[in-house]
Amino acid sequence: MICGVIAAALLVPLLLSGKSTPEDPTLEYDEPDGSAPEPPCSRVALNPTGGGGVSMPRMGFGTCCRPSAKGEALVASLRAYLAAGGRHIDTADMYRNHADVAVAIREYVAAGGRRSDLWVTSKINSKHVAGARDVLRDVDRILEELGLSSVDLMLLHHPTCDAKRLRRGASVDDC
């Protein structure tokens, strides 16, 4: 998990810029013939797979920052999203809605859906993390709140360690 966080910190500037660099051959693009270019994040040749072998969907349902991001309103909107075929749920410790997300996931599975078909992303609040033990503690708590044994992607929310320090060899514990 920590390696994924470090990789994300190093790749985010390139993903946002839409540019590949010769120093990083893993960034390759499929340029569509004759059509308008896709957004950079959909062209980067990264295809992470979750624990169930499911590829990360390119579109997801964010559960942040609106009045309907908690309680029955969130459960109902996630219910509709999943019924319409959506499969990527993005939540975070800072949103304080893991329990509501858990309700929607449980309902989806109870209705015959498979957890392995979903991609669940959550984020640890980095303001409460001083080292690896804190990360592991928060991961365990988030999984319990979500009612899951694993998530497909766990990120540090607003990490305080910049990519330059990580490239120079700083460990996550040094940040």
C-alpha atoms as a PDB file:
ATOM      1  CA  MET A   1       0.000   0.000   0.000  1.00  0.00           C
ATOM      2  CA  ILE A   2       2.753   2.482   0.876  1.00  0.00           C
ATOM      3  CA  CYS A   3       4.456   1.813  -2.478  1.00  0.00           C
ATOM      4  CA  GLY A   4       1.198   2.689  -4.229  1.00  0.00           C
ATOM      5  CA  VAL A   5       1.025   5.967  -2.324  1.00  0.00           C
ATOM      6  CA  ILE A   6       4.609   6.808  -3.285  1.00  0.00           C
ATOM      7  CA  ALA A   7       3.976   5.874  -6.922  1.00  0.00           C
ATOM      8  CA  ALA A   8       0.887   8.071  -6.960  1.00  0.00           C
ATOM      9  CA  ALA A   9       2.848  11.001  -5.522  1.00  0.00           C
ATOM     10  CA  LEU A  10       5.449  10.648  -8.272  1.00  0.00           C
ATOM     11  CA  LEU A  11       2.960  10.207 -11.129  1.00  0.00           C
ATOM     12  CA  VAL A  12       0.256  12.754 -10.295  1.00  0.00           C
ATOM     13  CA  PRO A  13       2.087  15.735 -11.848  1.00  0.00           C
ATOM     14  CA  LEU A  14       2.546  13.775 -15.088  1.00  0.00           C
ATOM     15  CA  LEU A  15      -1.032  12.568 -15.110  1.00  0.00           C
ATOM     16  CA  LEU A  16      -2.282  16.115 -14.760  1.00  0.00           C
ATOM     17  CA  SER A  17       0.111  17.542 -17.350  1.00  0.00           C
ATOM     18  CA  GLY A  18      -0.745  14.927 -19.973  1.00  0.00           C
ATOM     19  CA  LYS A  19       2.918  14.650 -20.940  1.00  0.00           C
ATOM     20  CA  SER A  20       5.083  11.563 -21.042  1.00  0.00           C
ATOM     21  CA  THR A  21       8.779  11.792 -20.248  1.00  0.00           C
ATOM     22  CA  PRO A  22      11.649   9.702 -21.634  1.00  0.00           C
ATOM     23  CA  GLU A  23      12.771   9.080 -18.046  1.00  0.00           C
ATOM     24  CA  ASP A  24       9.584   7.122 -17.364  1.00  0.00           C
ATOM     25  CA  PRO A  25       8.837   4.557 -20.079  1.00  0.00           C
ATOM     26  CA  THR A  26       5.753   3.309 -18.208  1.00  0.00           C
ATOM     27  CA  LEU A  27       3.821   6.344 -19.423  1.00  0.00           C
ATOM     28  CA  GLU A  28       2.567   5.474 -22.885  1.00  0.00           C
ATOM     29  CA  TYR A  29      -0.392   6.836 -24.767  1.00  0.00           C
ATOM     30  CA  ASP A  30      -2.928   5.382 -27.182  1.00  0.00           C
ATOM     31  CA  GLU A  31      -3.710   8.290 -29.492  1.00  0.00           C
ATOM     32  CA  PRO A  32      -7.155   7.828 -31.053  1.00  0.00           C
ATOM     33  CA  ASP A  33      -7.202   8.118 -34.844  1.00  0.00           C
ATOM     34  CA  GLY A  34      -8.918  11.251 -35.997  1.00  0.00           C
ATOM     35  CA  SER A  35     -10.888  11.867 -32.816  1.00  0.00           C
ATOM     36  CA  ALA A  36     -10.480  14.515 -30.159  1.00  0.00           C
ATOM     37  CA  PRO A  37      -7.819  13.632 -27.605  1.00  0.00           C
ATOM     38  CA  GLU A  38      -9.038  12.047 -24.397  1.00  0.00           C
ATOM     39  CA  PRO A  39      -8.235  13.622 -21.023  1.00  0.00           C
ATOM     40  CA  PRO A  40      -4.676  12.714 -19.941  1.00  0.00           C
ATOM     41  CA  CYS A  41      -5.777  10.441 -17.086  1.00  0.00           C
ATOM     42  CA  SER A  42      -7.682   8.184 -19.469  1.00  0.00           C
ATOM     43  CA  ARG A  43      -4.713   7.803 -21.831  1.00  0.00           C
ATOM     44  CA  VAL A  44      -1.974   6.908 -19.348  1.00  0.00           C
ATOM     45  CA  ALA A  45      -1.096   3.251 -19.697  1.00  0.00           C
ATOM     46  CA  LEU A  46      -1.656   2.416 -16.076  1.00  0.00           C
ATOM     47  CA  ASN A  47      -4.187  -0.249 -15.348  1.00  0.00           C
ATOM     48  CA  PRO A  48      -4.215  -1.011 -11.652  1.00  0.00           C
ATOM     49  CA  THR A  49      -6.229  -4.002 -10.597  1.00  0.00           C
ATOM     50  CA  GLY A  50      -7.890  -4.501  -7.255  1.00  0.00           C
ATOM     51  CA  GLY A  51      -7.844  -7.555  -5.011  1.00  0.00           C
ATOM     52  CA  GLY A  52     -10.570  -9.228  -7.059  1.00  0.00           C
ATOM     53  CA  GLY A  53      -8.641  -8.692 -10.302  1.00  0.00           C
ATOM     54  CA  VAL A  54     -11.028  -5.923 -11.386  1.00  0.00           C
ATOM     55  CA  SER A  55      -9.461  -3.088 -13.366  1.00  0.00           C
ATOM     56  CA  MET A  56      -9.941   0.354 -11.883  1.00  0.00           C
ATOM     57  CA  PRO A  57     -12.890   2.003 -13.631  1.00  0.00           C
ATOM     58  CA  ARG A  58     -12.071   5.299 -15.323  1.00  0.00           C
ATOM     59  CA  MET A  59     -15.133   6.978 -13.838  1.00  0.00           C
ATOM     60  CA  GLY A  60     -16.219   6.821 -10.246  1.00  0.00           C
ATOM     61  CA  PHE A  61     -18.751   8.125  -7.774  1.00  0.00           C
ATOM     62  CA  GLY A  62     -17.220  10.666  -5.405  1.00  0.00           C
ATOM     63  CA  THR A  63     -18.846  10.918  -2.001  1.00  0.00           C
ATOM     64  CA  CYS A  64     -17.504  14.267  -0.843  1.00  0.00           C
ATOM     65  CA  CYS A  65     -18.471  17.770  -0.120  1.00  0.00           C
ATOM     66  CA  ARG A  66     -22.177  18.166  -0.697  1.00  0.00           C
ATOM     67  CA  PRO A  67     -25.225  18.004   1.565  1.00  0.00           C
ATOM     68  CA  SER A  68     -26.225  14.660   0.034  1.00  0.00           C
ATOM     69  CA  ALA A  69     -22.865  13.044   0.892  1.00  0.00           C
ATOM     70  CA  LYS A  70     -24.117  11.543   4.156  1.00  0.00           C
ATOM     71  CA  GLY A  71     -27.013   9.553   5.502  1.00  0.00           C
ATOM     72  CA  GLU A  72     -29.946   8.232   3.503  1.00  0.00           C
ATOM     73  CA  ALA A  73     -29.302  10.720   0.673  1.00  0.00           C
ATOM     74  CA  LEU A  74     -25.864   9.187   0.066  1.00  0.00           C
ATOM     75  CA  VAL A  75     -27.163   5.622   0.365  1.00  0.00           C
ATOM     76  CA  ALA A  76     -29.929   6.393  -2.145  1.00  0.00           C
ATOM     77  CA  SER A  77     -27.573   8.035  -4.624  1.00  0.00           C
ATOM     78  CA  LEU A  78     -25.093   5.138  -4.360  1.00  0.00           C
ATOM     79  CA  ARG A  79     -27.991   2.709  -4.821  1.00  0.00           C
ATOM     80  CA  ALA A  80     -28.934   4.501  -8.057  1.00  0.00           C
ATOM     81  CA  TYR A  81     -25.314   4.678  -9.225  1.00  0.00           C
ATOM     82  CA  LEU A  82     -24.786   0.944  -8.687  1.00  0.00           C
ATOM     83  CA  ALA A  83     -28.151   0.097 -10.312  1.00  0.00           C
ATOM     84  CA  ALA A  84     -27.080   2.124 -13.363  1.00  0.00           C
ATOM     85  CA  GLY A  85     -23.900   0.032 -13.677  1.00  0.00           C
ATOM     86  CA  GLY A  86     -21.413   2.222 -11.804  1.00  0.00           C
ATOM     87  CA  ARG A  87     -18.713   0.266 -10.007  1.00  0.00           C
ATOM     88  CA  HIS A  88     -16.135   2.706  -8.550  1.00  0.00           C
ATOM     89  CA  ILE A  89     -16.897   4.273  -5.177  1.00  0.00           C
ATOM     90  CA  ASP A  90     -14.538   6.948  -3.867  1.00  0.00           C
ATOM     91  CA  THR A  91     -14.719   7.885  -0.195  1.00  0.00           C
ATOM     92  CA  ALA A  92     -12.359   9.134   2.502  1.00  0.00           C
ATOM     93  CA  ASP A  93     -11.884   9.322   6.234  1.00  0.00           C
ATOM     94  CA  MET A  94     -12.300  13.112   6.049  1.00  0.00           C
ATOM     95  CA  TYR A  95     -15.788  12.731   4.504  1.00  0.00           C
ATOM     96  CA  ARG A  96     -17.051  10.844   7.588  1.00  0.00           C
ATOM     97  CA  ASN A  97     -19.423   8.712   5.546  1.00  0.00           C
ATOM     98  CA  HIS A  98     -17.861   5.240   5.557  1.00  0.00           C
ATOM     99  CA  ALA A  99     -20.821   3.785   7.457  1.00  0.00           C
ATOM    100  CA  ASP A 100     -23.258   5.084   4.815  1.00  0.00           C
ATOM    101  CA  VAL A 101     -21.083   3.746   2.000  1.00  0.00           C
ATOM    102  CA  ALA A 102     -21.042   0.403   3.841  1.00  0.00           C
ATOM    103  CA  VAL A 103     -24.860   0.304   3.847  1.00  0.00           C
ATOM    104  CA  ALA A 104     -24.994   0.787   0.069  1.00  0.00           C
ATOM    105  CA  ILE A 105     -22.337  -1.874  -0.549  1.00  0.00           C
ATOM    106  CA  ARG A 106     -24.121  -4.359   1.762  1.00  0.00           C
ATOM    107  CA  GLU A 107     -27.423  -3.724  -0.035  1.00  0.00           C
ATOM    108  CA  TYR A 108     -25.747  -4.196  -3.424  1.00  0.00           C
ATOM    109  CA  VAL A 109     -24.267  -7.540  -2.350  1.00  0.00           C
ATOM    110  CA  ALA A 110     -27.516  -8.661  -0.663  1.00  0.00           C
ATOM    111  CA  ALA A 111     -29.346  -7.997  -3.943  1.00  0.00           C
ATOM    112  CA  GLY A 112     -27.010 -10.375  -5.794  1.00  0.00           C
ATOM    113  CA  GLY A 113     -24.147  -8.050  -6.729  1.00  0.00           C
ATOM    114  CA  ARG A 114     -20.604  -9.207  -6.124  1.00  0.00           C
ATOM    115  CA  ARG A 115     -18.185  -7.205  -3.982  1.00  0.00           C
ATOM    116  CA  SER A 116     -15.423  -8.289  -6.353  1.00  0.00           C
ATOM    117  CA  ASP A 117     -17.120  -6.321  -9.165  1.00  0.00           C
ATOM    118  CA  LEU A 118     -16.720  -3.075  -7.238  1.00  0.00           C
ATOM    119  CA  TRP A 119     -13.670  -0.849  -6.971  1.00  0.00           C
ATOM    120  CA  VAL A 120     -13.608   0.901  -3.600  1.00  0.00           C
ATOM    121  CA  THR A 121     -11.148   3.720  -2.941  1.00  0.00           C
ATOM    122  CA  SER A 122     -10.704   5.407   0.411  1.00  0.00           C
ATOM    123  CA  LYS A 123      -8.221   7.859   1.820  1.00  0.00           C
ATOM    124  CA  ILE A 124      -6.454   8.206   5.153  1.00  0.00           C
ATOM    125  CA  ASN A 125      -6.448  11.650   6.741  1.00  0.00           C
ATOM    126  CA  SER A 126      -2.713  12.392   6.641  1.00  0.00           C
ATOM    127  CA  LYS A 127      -3.050  15.063   9.322  1.00  0.00           C
ATOM    128  CA  HIS A 128      -3.456  12.259  11.872  1.00  0.00           C
ATOM    129  CA  VAL A 129      -0.567  10.145  10.574  1.00  0.00           C
ATOM    130  CA  ALA A 130       2.891  10.384  12.125  1.00  0.00           C
ATOM    131  CA  GLY A 131       4.245   7.087  10.803  1.00  0.00           C
ATOM    132  CA  ALA A 132       3.586   3.585   9.554  1.00  0.00           C
ATOM    133  CA  ARG A 133       1.814   2.450  12.748  1.00  0.00           C
ATOM    134  CA  ASP A 134      -0.711   5.257  12.394  1.00  0.00           C
ATOM    135  CA  VAL A 135      -1.329   4.317   8.760  1.00  0.00           C
ATOM    136  CA  LEU A 136      -1.981   0.682   9.675  1.00  0.00           C
ATOM    137  CA  ARG A 137      -4.257   1.723  12.558  1.00  0.00           C
ATOM    138  CA  ASP A 138      -6.267   3.987  10.254  1.00  0.00           C
ATOM    139  CA  VAL A 139      -6.510   1.342   7.519  1.00  0.00           C
ATOM    140  CA  ASP A 140      -7.923  -1.153  10.022  1.00  0.00           C
ATOM    141  CA  ARG A 141     -10.439   1.388  11.334  1.00  0.00           C
ATOM    142  CA  ILE A 142     -11.548   2.431   7.824  1.00  0.00           C
ATOM    143  CA  LEU A 143     -12.016  -1.200   6.770  1.00  0.00           C
ATOM    144  CA  GLU A 144     -14.122  -1.810   9.871  1.00  0.00           C
ATOM    145  CA  GLU A 145     -16.243   1.282   9.162  1.00  0.00           C
ATOM    146  CA  LEU A 146     -16.751   0.155   5.557  1.00  0.00           C
ATOM    147  CA  GLY A 147     -17.531  -3.402   6.642  1.00  0.00           C
ATOM    148  CA  LEU A 148     -14.920  -4.695   4.184  1.00  0.00           C
ATOM    149  CA  SER A 149     -11.903  -6.945   4.489  1.00  0.00           C
ATOM    150  CA  SER A 150     -10.048  -4.876   1.886  1.00  0.00           C
ATOM    151  CA  VAL A 151     -10.324  -1.878  -0.392  1.00  0.00           C
ATOM    152  CA  ASP A 152      -8.937  -1.705  -3.894  1.00  0.00           C
ATOM    153  CA  LEU A 153      -7.025   1.527  -3.383  1.00  0.00           C
ATOM    154  CA  MET A 154      -6.038   3.355  -0.195  1.00  0.00           C
ATOM    155  CA  LEU A 155      -4.480   6.806  -0.488  1.00  0.00           C
ATOM    156  CA  LEU A 156      -3.087   9.429   1.847  1.00  0.00           C
ATOM    157  CA  HIS A 157      -5.444  12.402   1.686  1.00  0.00           C
ATOM    158  CA  HIS A 158      -3.523  15.648   1.177  1.00  0.00           C
ATOM    159  CA  PRO A 159      -0.094  14.089   1.804  1.00  0.00           C
ATOM    160  CA  THR A 160       2.351  16.519   3.371  1.00  0.00           C
ATOM    161  CA  CYS A 161       5.451  14.969   1.799  1.00  0.00           C
ATOM    162  CA  ASP A 162       6.230  16.276  -1.666  1.00  0.00           C
ATOM    163  CA  ALA A 163       7.370  14.161  -4.609  1.00  0.00           C
ATOM    164  CA  LYS A 164      10.827  15.804  -4.757  1.00  0.00           C
ATOM    165  CA  ARG A 165      11.652  14.615  -1.222  1.00  0.00           C
ATOM    166  CA  LEU A 166      10.450  11.090  -2.040  1.00  0.00           C
ATOM    167  CA  ARG A 167      12.575  10.974  -5.220  1.00  0.00           C
ATOM    168  CA  ARG A 168      15.616  12.014  -3.167  1.00  0.00           C
ATOM    169  CA  GLY A 169      15.113   8.967  -0.966  1.00  0.00           C
ATOM    170  CA  ALA A 170      13.010  10.214   1.943  1.00  0.00           C
ATOM    171  CA  SER A 171      10.817   7.518   3.412  1.00  0.00           C
ATOM    172  CA  VAL A 172       7.160   8.094   4.171  1.00  0.00           C
ATOM    173  CA  ASP A 173       8.097   8.004   7.871  1.00  0.00           C
ATOM    174  CA  ASP A 174      10.484  10.958   7.271  1.00  0.00           C
ATOM    175  CA  CYS A 175       7.743  13.164   5.829  1.00  0.00           C
END
